């Protein structure tokens, strides 16, 4: 994994806007409707190529495939693993439960989340890694065409799978988690062996406290989060930590977020996770102040911090100077070499859902790169 050796590098969390043509194709397949497999594969490959090209143009140093092939980062594994089926009603986040009018207003703006939300209804095991190999091939081809030296591919953490696909089969959560970890380990190894960086998405370590696991006490949630990290570490056994990134977040949606668990309560859990790089929210109005908590935390010396410098829930385009100021603050905590400028979350979390304009999303990434350039000149005054 590249470090910010002579300038501040830029990256993002993963998902990027999808064209309506791609959204229609993804949802058609997700609903089990008839579709042209050849055309479907062609649309995805073209979308990945375009997404990488636009990231390069925006100045992103470490791009991804934009998760163009996925309806959702949290449900895509249903096509790759056995044991999932049915559909569930979405749980309402604790911070939104008292505001039904607001939820209706936001739904009109963001659109509906039309994808399936399955349950675990049988033994979990690897069913088909073909879609993963296609994702790898598409990203590597797009990266080569764009002259990209390093790229990453997203993958769900074992805990994320259990948080979004409720258990209706296993006798315990622990048993369910163990089988998911064993199955996902093959995906993790395949990504790393391909030469790409692996990014494991872990909203189960923060967001799940007020959504999927909202019935647990804070103490019990933290125990579950620690269990999830243990399962992830086991699934990463034998994989170089320097090839792995981990993203934690509190939910990529506009809302009060006044039930978000404080980051300082998660430090002990986060510190035990094997991935070298940690991506997290640091730009939005609910979590930007937590830089002080990170400053005071015992951050392991081998960790690279990738704090969000760009809010992914707003169409405001951050001023590059603001981005630079944020970067300098984090460089003052762990040193310039251990900071990579990132985003709070993805720009296209679910296919066909969200209020961010696609063109504005890439303009925000351009502001991220421009801000990193300003900060680099200040942090490396003789070389930048």
Protein backbone atom coordinates (compact mmCIF):
# COMPACT_ATOMS: atom_id res chain seq x y z
CA UNK A 1 0.00 0.00 0.00
CA UNK A 2 1.36 3.40 -1.00
CA UNK A 3 2.09 5.96 1.70
CA UNK A 4 2.08 9.73 1.33
CA UNK A 5 5.86 9.68 0.94
CA UNK A 6 6.38 13.00 -0.82
CA UNK A 7 2.84 14.40 -1.09
CA UNK A 8 -0.63 13.71 0.31
CA UNK A 9 -2.28 10.93 -1.65
CA UNK A 10 -6.02 10.87 -2.34
CA UNK A 11 -8.58 8.10 -2.45
CA UNK A 12 -12.25 7.57 -1.55
CA UNK A 13 -14.44 4.97 0.10
CA UNK A 14 -15.72 3.08 -2.93
CA UNK A 15 -19.15 3.58 -4.45
CA UNK A 16 -19.63 6.16 -7.20
CA UNK A 17 -22.69 7.35 -9.14
CA UNK A 18 -24.22 4.90 -11.62
CA UNK A 19 -25.91 5.75 -14.90
CA UNK A 20 -29.63 5.14 -15.19
CA UNK A 21 -28.92 2.46 -17.78
CA UNK A 22 -26.75 0.64 -15.26
CA UNK A 23 -29.23 1.13 -12.42
CA UNK A 24 -32.04 -0.36 -14.51
CA UNK A 25 -29.89 -3.37 -15.41
CA UNK A 26 -28.81 -3.99 -11.80
CA UNK A 27 -32.32 -3.76 -10.39
CA UNK A 28 -33.76 -5.97 -13.14
CA UNK A 29 -31.32 -8.72 -12.25
CA UNK A 30 -31.81 -8.19 -8.51
CA UNK A 31 -35.58 -8.64 -8.90
CA UNK A 32 -35.07 -11.90 -10.74
CA UNK A 33 -36.40 -10.57 -14.04
CA UNK A 34 -35.20 -11.73 -17.43
CA UNK A 35 -32.14 -9.92 -18.76
CA UNK A 36 -29.55 -10.20 -21.51
CA UNK A 37 -26.41 -11.52 -19.77
CA UNK A 38 -24.05 -10.39 -22.54
CA UNK A 39 -25.44 -6.87 -22.58
CA UNK A 40 -25.46 -6.78 -18.78
CA UNK A 41 -21.75 -7.64 -18.62
CA UNK A 42 -20.96 -5.09 -21.31
CA UNK A 43 -22.79 -2.28 -19.49
CA UNK A 44 -20.93 -3.02 -16.25
CA UNK A 45 -17.51 -3.21 -17.94
CA UNK A 46 -18.12 0.10 -19.70
CA UNK A 47 -19.34 1.69 -16.46
CA UNK A 48 -16.21 0.58 -14.59
CA UNK A 49 -13.97 1.91 -17.36
CA UNK A 50 -15.77 5.26 -17.30
CA UNK A 51 -15.70 5.46 -13.49
CA UNK A 52 -11.95 4.85 -13.34
CA UNK A 53 -11.30 7.35 -16.12
CA UNK A 54 -13.31 10.01 -14.30
CA UNK A 55 -11.49 9.31 -11.04
CA UNK A 56 -8.15 9.73 -12.78
CA UNK A 57 -9.33 12.97 -14.37
CA UNK A 58 -10.45 14.21 -10.94
CA UNK A 59 -7.01 13.55 -9.51
CA UNK A 60 -7.72 10.46 -7.40
CA UNK A 61 -4.50 8.56 -6.72
CA UNK A 62 -6.00 5.27 -5.56
CA UNK A 63 -9.29 4.61 -7.39
CA UNK A 64 -11.80 1.75 -7.34
CA UNK A 65 -14.36 0.28 -9.72
CA UNK A 66 -16.97 2.54 -8.11
CA UNK A 67 -18.89 -0.60 -7.10
CA UNK A 68 -20.59 -0.34 -10.46
CA UNK A 69 -21.51 -4.03 -10.52
CA UNK A 70 -23.29 -3.96 -7.15
CA UNK A 71 -26.85 -2.99 -6.28
CA UNK A 72 -25.60 -2.50 -2.74
CA UNK A 73 -22.35 -2.94 -0.86
CA UNK A 74 -24.30 -4.78 1.84
CA UNK A 75 -26.32 -7.31 -0.17
CA UNK A 76 -24.22 -8.23 -3.23
CA UNK A 77 -22.88 -11.38 -1.58
CA UNK A 78 -26.26 -13.08 -1.99
CA UNK A 79 -25.16 -13.92 -5.55
CA UNK A 80 -21.88 -15.39 -4.32
CA UNK A 81 -22.84 -17.28 -1.16
CA UNK A 82 -25.44 -19.87 -0.31
CA UNK A 83 -27.90 -19.53 2.56
CA UNK A 84 -29.74 -16.30 1.74
CA UNK A 85 -33.30 -15.71 0.58
CA UNK A 86 -36.53 -13.83 1.02
CA UNK A 87 -36.94 -10.12 1.65
CA UNK A 88 -37.11 -8.03 4.83
CA UNK A 89 -38.53 -4.66 5.67
CA UNK A 90 -35.83 -2.08 6.36
CA UNK A 91 -35.34 -1.15 10.02
CA UNK A 92 -35.68 2.55 10.79
CA UNK A 93 -32.57 4.10 12.29
CA UNK A 94 -33.02 5.28 15.87
CA UNK A 95 -32.28 8.90 15.00
CA UNK A 96 -35.06 8.90 12.38
CA UNK A 97 -37.81 7.12 14.29
CA UNK A 98 -39.35 10.29 15.72
CA UNK A 99 -39.46 12.09 12.38
CA UNK A 100 -41.89 10.38 9.95
CA UNK A 101 -42.48 13.60 7.99
CA UNK A 102 -38.75 14.03 7.48
CA UNK A 103 -38.42 10.41 6.32
CA UNK A 104 -41.14 10.97 3.73
CA UNK A 105 -39.53 14.19 2.56
CA UNK A 106 -36.12 12.53 2.16
CA UNK A 107 -37.64 9.55 0.34
CA UNK A 108 -39.09 11.91 -2.26
CA UNK A 109 -35.65 13.40 -2.79
CA UNK A 110 -33.49 10.28 -2.66
CA UNK A 111 -35.81 7.74 -4.25
CA UNK A 112 -36.70 4.30 -2.97
CA UNK A 113 -34.27 1.58 -1.93
CA UNK A 114 -35.61 -1.04 -4.31
CA UNK A 115 -33.10 -3.85 -3.79
CA UNK A 116 -33.82 -7.08 -1.89
CA UNK A 117 -32.99 -7.41 1.80
CA UNK A 118 -32.65 -11.14 2.34
CA UNK A 119 -32.31 -13.19 5.51
CA UNK A 120 -29.98 -16.04 6.32
CA UNK A 121 -32.21 -19.09 5.85
CA UNK A 122 -29.62 -21.86 5.41
CA UNK A 123 -25.93 -22.79 5.74
CA UNK A 124 -23.59 -20.09 4.41
CA UNK A 125 -20.87 -21.24 2.03
CA UNK A 126 -19.24 -20.13 -1.20
CA UNK A 127 -21.56 -20.63 -4.16
CA UNK A 128 -20.06 -18.72 -7.08
CA UNK A 129 -16.98 -16.51 -7.20
CA UNK A 130 -17.46 -15.86 -10.90
CA UNK A 131 -18.87 -12.35 -10.30
CA UNK A 132 -15.81 -11.53 -8.17
CA UNK A 133 -13.41 -12.61 -10.90
CA UNK A 134 -15.35 -10.44 -13.36
CA UNK A 135 -15.08 -7.46 -11.00
CA UNK A 136 -11.34 -7.99 -10.72
CA UNK A 137 -10.89 -8.28 -14.48
CA UNK A 138 -12.96 -5.16 -15.14
CA UNK A 139 -11.08 -3.06 -12.60
CA UNK A 140 -7.63 -4.22 -13.66
CA UNK A 141 -8.44 -3.54 -17.31
CA UNK A 142 -9.79 -0.07 -16.50
CA UNK A 143 -6.81 0.70 -14.25
CA UNK A 144 -4.36 -0.31 -16.98
CA UNK A 145 -6.19 1.83 -19.52
CA UNK A 146 -6.08 4.78 -17.15
CA UNK A 147 -2.43 4.37 -16.20
CA UNK A 148 -3.32 3.62 -12.58
CA UNK A 149 -0.61 2.00 -10.47
CA UNK A 150 -2.73 1.06 -7.46
CA UNK A 151 -6.47 0.42 -7.12
CA UNK A 152 -8.77 -1.11 -4.53
CA UNK A 153 -11.81 -3.36 -4.55
CA UNK A 154 -14.51 -3.29 -1.87
CA UNK A 155 -15.70 -6.33 0.05
CA UNK A 156 -18.17 -6.74 2.89
CA UNK A 157 -16.92 -7.57 6.37
CA UNK A 158 -18.32 -10.71 8.00
CA UNK A 159 -20.11 -8.52 10.53
CA UNK A 160 -21.64 -6.38 7.80
CA UNK A 161 -23.18 -9.45 6.19
CA UNK A 162 -24.78 -10.47 9.48
CA UNK A 163 -26.01 -6.94 10.18
CA UNK A 164 -27.88 -6.58 6.88
CA UNK A 165 -29.02 -10.19 6.43
CA UNK A 166 -30.79 -11.16 9.70
CA UNK A 167 -30.17 -14.65 11.04
CA UNK A 168 -33.13 -17.02 10.72
CA UNK A 169 -31.17 -20.26 10.57
CA UNK A 170 -28.21 -20.52 12.93
CA UNK A 171 -28.68 -21.23 16.64
CA UNK A 172 -26.49 -18.25 17.59
CA UNK A 173 -25.08 -15.08 16.09
CA UNK A 174 -21.60 -16.46 16.73
CA UNK A 175 -22.28 -19.56 14.63
CA UNK A 176 -23.68 -17.45 11.80
CA UNK A 177 -20.70 -15.07 11.92
CA UNK A 178 -18.17 -17.92 11.86
CA UNK A 179 -19.56 -19.43 8.66
CA UNK A 180 -19.79 -16.02 6.98
CA UNK A 181 -16.17 -15.28 7.88
CA UNK A 182 -15.01 -18.61 6.49
CA UNK A 183 -16.86 -17.99 3.25
CA UNK A 184 -15.76 -14.36 2.81
CA UNK A 185 -12.13 -15.33 3.47
CA UNK A 186 -12.00 -16.76 -0.05
CA UNK A 187 -13.12 -13.43 -1.53
CA UNK A 188 -10.54 -11.52 0.50
CA UNK A 189 -7.71 -13.82 -0.57
CA UNK A 190 -8.77 -13.70 -4.21
CA UNK A 191 -8.74 -9.90 -4.28
CA UNK A 192 -5.32 -9.60 -2.65
CA UNK A 193 -3.84 -12.35 -4.83
CA UNK A 194 -5.01 -10.43 -7.91
CA UNK A 195 -2.70 -7.55 -7.02
CA UNK A 196 -5.48 -5.16 -6.00
CA UNK A 197 -5.84 -3.63 -2.57
CA UNK A 198 -8.66 -5.08 -0.50
CA UNK A 199 -11.03 -2.72 1.27
CA UNK A 200 -13.29 -4.29 3.87
CA UNK A 201 -16.41 -2.26 4.61
CA UNK A 202 -17.30 -2.34 8.32
CA UNK A 203 -20.34 -0.19 9.15
CA UNK A 204 -21.22 -3.00 11.56
CA UNK A 205 -18.62 -1.48 13.90
CA UNK A 206 -20.44 1.87 14.19
CA UNK A 207 -23.65 2.34 12.17
CA UNK A 208 -25.11 -0.97 13.29
CA UNK A 209 -25.33 0.34 16.86
CA UNK A 210 -28.32 2.51 15.93
CA UNK A 211 -29.78 0.41 13.11
CA UNK A 212 -29.32 -3.36 12.83
CA UNK A 213 -28.29 -3.94 16.46
CA UNK A 214 -30.21 -1.06 18.03
CA UNK A 215 -31.84 -3.43 20.53
CA UNK A 216 -28.48 -4.15 22.17
CA UNK A 217 -27.17 -2.07 25.05
CA UNK A 218 -24.04 -0.07 24.31
CA UNK A 219 -21.94 -2.52 26.30
CA UNK A 220 -23.38 -5.49 24.44
CA UNK A 221 -22.92 -3.76 21.10
CA UNK A 222 -19.25 -3.17 21.84
CA UNK A 223 -18.85 -6.84 22.71
CA UNK A 224 -20.46 -7.74 19.40
CA UNK A 225 -18.25 -5.30 17.52
CA UNK A 226 -15.18 -6.88 19.13
CA UNK A 227 -16.47 -10.30 18.07
CA UNK A 228 -16.85 -9.02 14.51
CA UNK A 229 -13.26 -7.78 14.46
CA UNK A 230 -12.06 -11.17 15.67
CA UNK A 231 -13.99 -12.85 12.85
CA UNK A 232 -12.58 -10.43 10.27
CA UNK A 233 -9.05 -10.97 11.53
CA UNK A 234 -9.51 -14.72 11.27
CA UNK A 235 -10.76 -14.34 7.70
CA UNK A 236 -7.65 -12.27 6.92
CA UNK A 237 -5.28 -14.85 8.35
CA UNK A 238 -2.19 -15.12 6.16
CA UNK A 239 -2.95 -11.89 4.26
CA UNK A 240 -0.48 -9.02 4.52
CA UNK A 241 -2.14 -6.24 6.53
CA UNK A 242 -0.41 -3.69 4.30
CA UNK A 243 -2.65 -4.84 1.43
CA UNK A 244 -5.89 -4.19 3.33
CA UNK A 245 -7.98 -1.11 4.14
CA UNK A 246 -10.95 -0.95 6.50
CA UNK A 247 -13.84 1.52 6.35
CA UNK A 248 -16.05 2.33 9.32
CA UNK A 249 -19.00 4.72 9.21
CA UNK A 250 -22.18 5.74 10.98
CA UNK A 251 -24.48 5.59 7.97
CA UNK A 252 -24.25 7.48 4.69
CA UNK A 253 -27.54 9.34 4.96
CA UNK A 254 -28.70 12.83 5.86
CA UNK A 255 -30.34 12.79 9.28
CA UNK A 256 -29.87 13.92 12.87
CA UNK A 257 -27.27 11.22 13.63
CA UNK A 258 -27.68 12.10 17.30
CA UNK A 259 -27.68 8.40 18.20
CA UNK A 260 -24.28 7.72 16.61
CA UNK A 261 -21.93 5.97 18.99
CA UNK A 262 -18.92 8.16 19.81
CA UNK A 263 -15.71 7.16 18.07
CA UNK A 264 -13.68 7.15 21.28
CA UNK A 265 -15.78 4.23 22.50
CA UNK A 266 -14.69 2.26 19.45
CA UNK A 267 -10.94 2.80 19.64
CA UNK A 268 -10.17 -0.41 21.52
CA UNK A 269 -12.12 -2.39 18.93
CA UNK A 270 -10.64 -0.58 15.92
CA UNK A 271 -7.06 -0.89 17.18
CA UNK A 272 -7.31 -4.70 17.16
CA UNK A 273 -8.35 -4.91 13.52
CA UNK A 274 -5.61 -6.19 11.17
CA UNK A 275 -6.04 -3.84 8.15
CA UNK A 276 -3.29 -1.25 7.96
CA UNK A 277 -5.39 1.65 6.66
CA UNK A 278 -8.48 2.96 8.46
CA UNK A 279 -11.03 5.02 6.53
CA UNK A 280 -13.63 6.91 8.58
CA UNK A 281 -15.94 9.91 8.68
CA UNK A 282 -14.24 13.17 9.61
CA UNK A 283 -15.86 15.87 7.44
CA UNK A 284 -19.55 15.95 8.30
CA UNK A 285 -21.15 18.05 11.01
CA UNK A 286 -21.62 15.13 13.41
CA UNK A 287 -18.09 13.71 13.33
CA UNK A 288 -15.60 16.38 12.27
CA UNK A 289 -14.97 17.34 15.91
CA UNK A 290 -13.71 13.81 16.62
CA UNK A 291 -10.26 14.71 15.30
CA UNK A 292 -9.52 15.63 18.92
CA UNK A 293 -10.47 12.14 20.08
CA UNK A 294 -8.12 10.62 17.48
CA UNK A 295 -5.40 13.02 18.61
CA UNK A 296 -5.71 11.77 22.17
CA UNK A 297 -6.03 8.08 21.25
CA UNK A 298 -3.25 5.50 21.28
CA UNK A 299 -3.12 4.91 17.53
CA UNK A 300 -0.85 1.97 16.63
CA UNK A 301 2.27 3.12 14.80
CA UNK A 302 1.63 0.83 11.85
CA UNK A 303 -1.76 2.34 11.00
CA UNK A 304 -2.44 4.72 8.12
CA UNK A 305 -5.33 7.11 8.67
CA UNK A 306 -7.67 7.94 5.77
CA UNK A 307 -10.06 10.47 7.31
CA UNK A 308 -12.92 11.85 5.27
CA UNK A 309 -12.10 15.33 3.98
CA UNK A 310 -15.26 15.44 1.86
CA UNK A 311 -18.87 15.03 3.03
CA UNK A 312 -20.73 12.50 0.87
CA UNK A 313 -24.29 13.49 1.88
CA UNK A 314 -24.22 17.03 0.50
CA UNK A 315 -23.95 18.63 -2.93
CA UNK A 316 -21.84 21.41 -1.46
CA UNK A 317 -18.42 21.32 -3.11
CA UNK A 318 -15.83 21.79 -0.39
CA UNK A 319 -13.34 24.58 -0.97
CA UNK A 320 -9.84 23.16 -1.58
CA UNK A 321 -8.49 25.41 1.15
CA UNK A 322 -10.87 23.80 3.67
CA UNK A 323 -9.68 20.38 2.51
CA UNK A 324 -6.07 21.48 2.95
CA UNK A 325 -6.72 22.76 6.46
CA UNK A 326 -8.34 19.47 7.41
CA UNK A 327 -5.42 17.48 6.00
CA UNK A 328 -2.89 19.57 7.91
CA UNK A 329 -4.79 18.97 11.13
CA UNK A 330 -4.54 15.19 10.68
CA UNK A 331 -0.90 15.37 9.61
CA UNK A 332 -0.25 17.07 12.92
CA UNK A 333 -1.65 14.03 14.73
CA UNK A 334 0.14 11.09 13.08
CA UNK A 335 2.58 12.71 10.67
CA UNK A 336 2.17 13.54 6.98
CA UNK A 337 3.35 10.12 5.74
CA UNK A 338 0.54 8.34 7.59
CA UNK A 339 -2.33 10.42 6.20
CA UNK A 340 -4.21 9.81 2.97
CA UNK A 341 -7.07 12.15 2.06
CA UNK A 342 -10.35 10.30 1.73
CA UNK A 343 -14.11 10.78 1.78
CA UNK A 344 -16.63 10.20 4.54
CA UNK A 345 -18.35 7.38 2.65
CA UNK A 346 -19.38 6.45 -0.89
CA UNK A 347 -21.15 8.65 -3.42
CA UNK A 348 -23.51 5.92 -4.68
CA UNK A 349 -24.20 3.61 -1.74
CA UNK A 350 -27.28 2.00 -3.31
CA UNK A 351 -28.18 1.75 -7.01
CA UNK A 352 -30.81 4.34 -7.91
CA UNK A 353 -30.84 5.90 -4.46
CA UNK A 354 -29.40 9.16 -3.17
CA UNK A 355 -29.63 12.89 -3.71
CA UNK A 356 -26.04 13.56 -4.82
CA UNK A 357 -25.64 14.60 -8.43
CA UNK A 358 -23.14 12.42 -10.29
CA UNK A 359 -21.25 15.27 -11.91
CA UNK A 360 -21.04 17.14 -8.61
CA UNK A 361 -19.65 14.03 -6.91
CA UNK A 362 -16.67 14.04 -9.27
CA UNK A 363 -16.29 17.78 -8.77
CA UNK A 364 -16.03 17.11 -5.04
CA UNK A 365 -13.27 14.58 -5.76
CA UNK A 366 -11.48 17.26 -7.80
CA UNK A 367 -11.69 19.57 -4.77
CA UNK A 368 -10.22 16.76 -2.67
CA UNK A 369 -7.25 16.46 -5.01
CA UNK A 370 -6.76 20.22 -5.24
CA UNK A 371 -6.87 20.50 -1.45
CA UNK A 372 -4.31 17.70 -1.13
CA UNK A 373 -2.07 19.62 -3.51
CA UNK A 374 -2.30 22.76 -1.37
CA UNK A 375 -1.58 20.82 1.81
CA UNK A 376 1.35 19.02 0.18
CA UNK A 377 3.05 22.32 -0.66
CA UNK A 378 2.82 23.31 2.98
CA UNK A 379 3.81 19.95 4.41
CA UNK A 380 6.70 19.41 1.95
CA UNK A 381 7.71 23.03 1.28
CA UNK A 382 10.97 22.14 -0.48
CA UNK A 383 9.74 19.30 -2.65
CA UNK A 384 6.05 19.78 -3.43
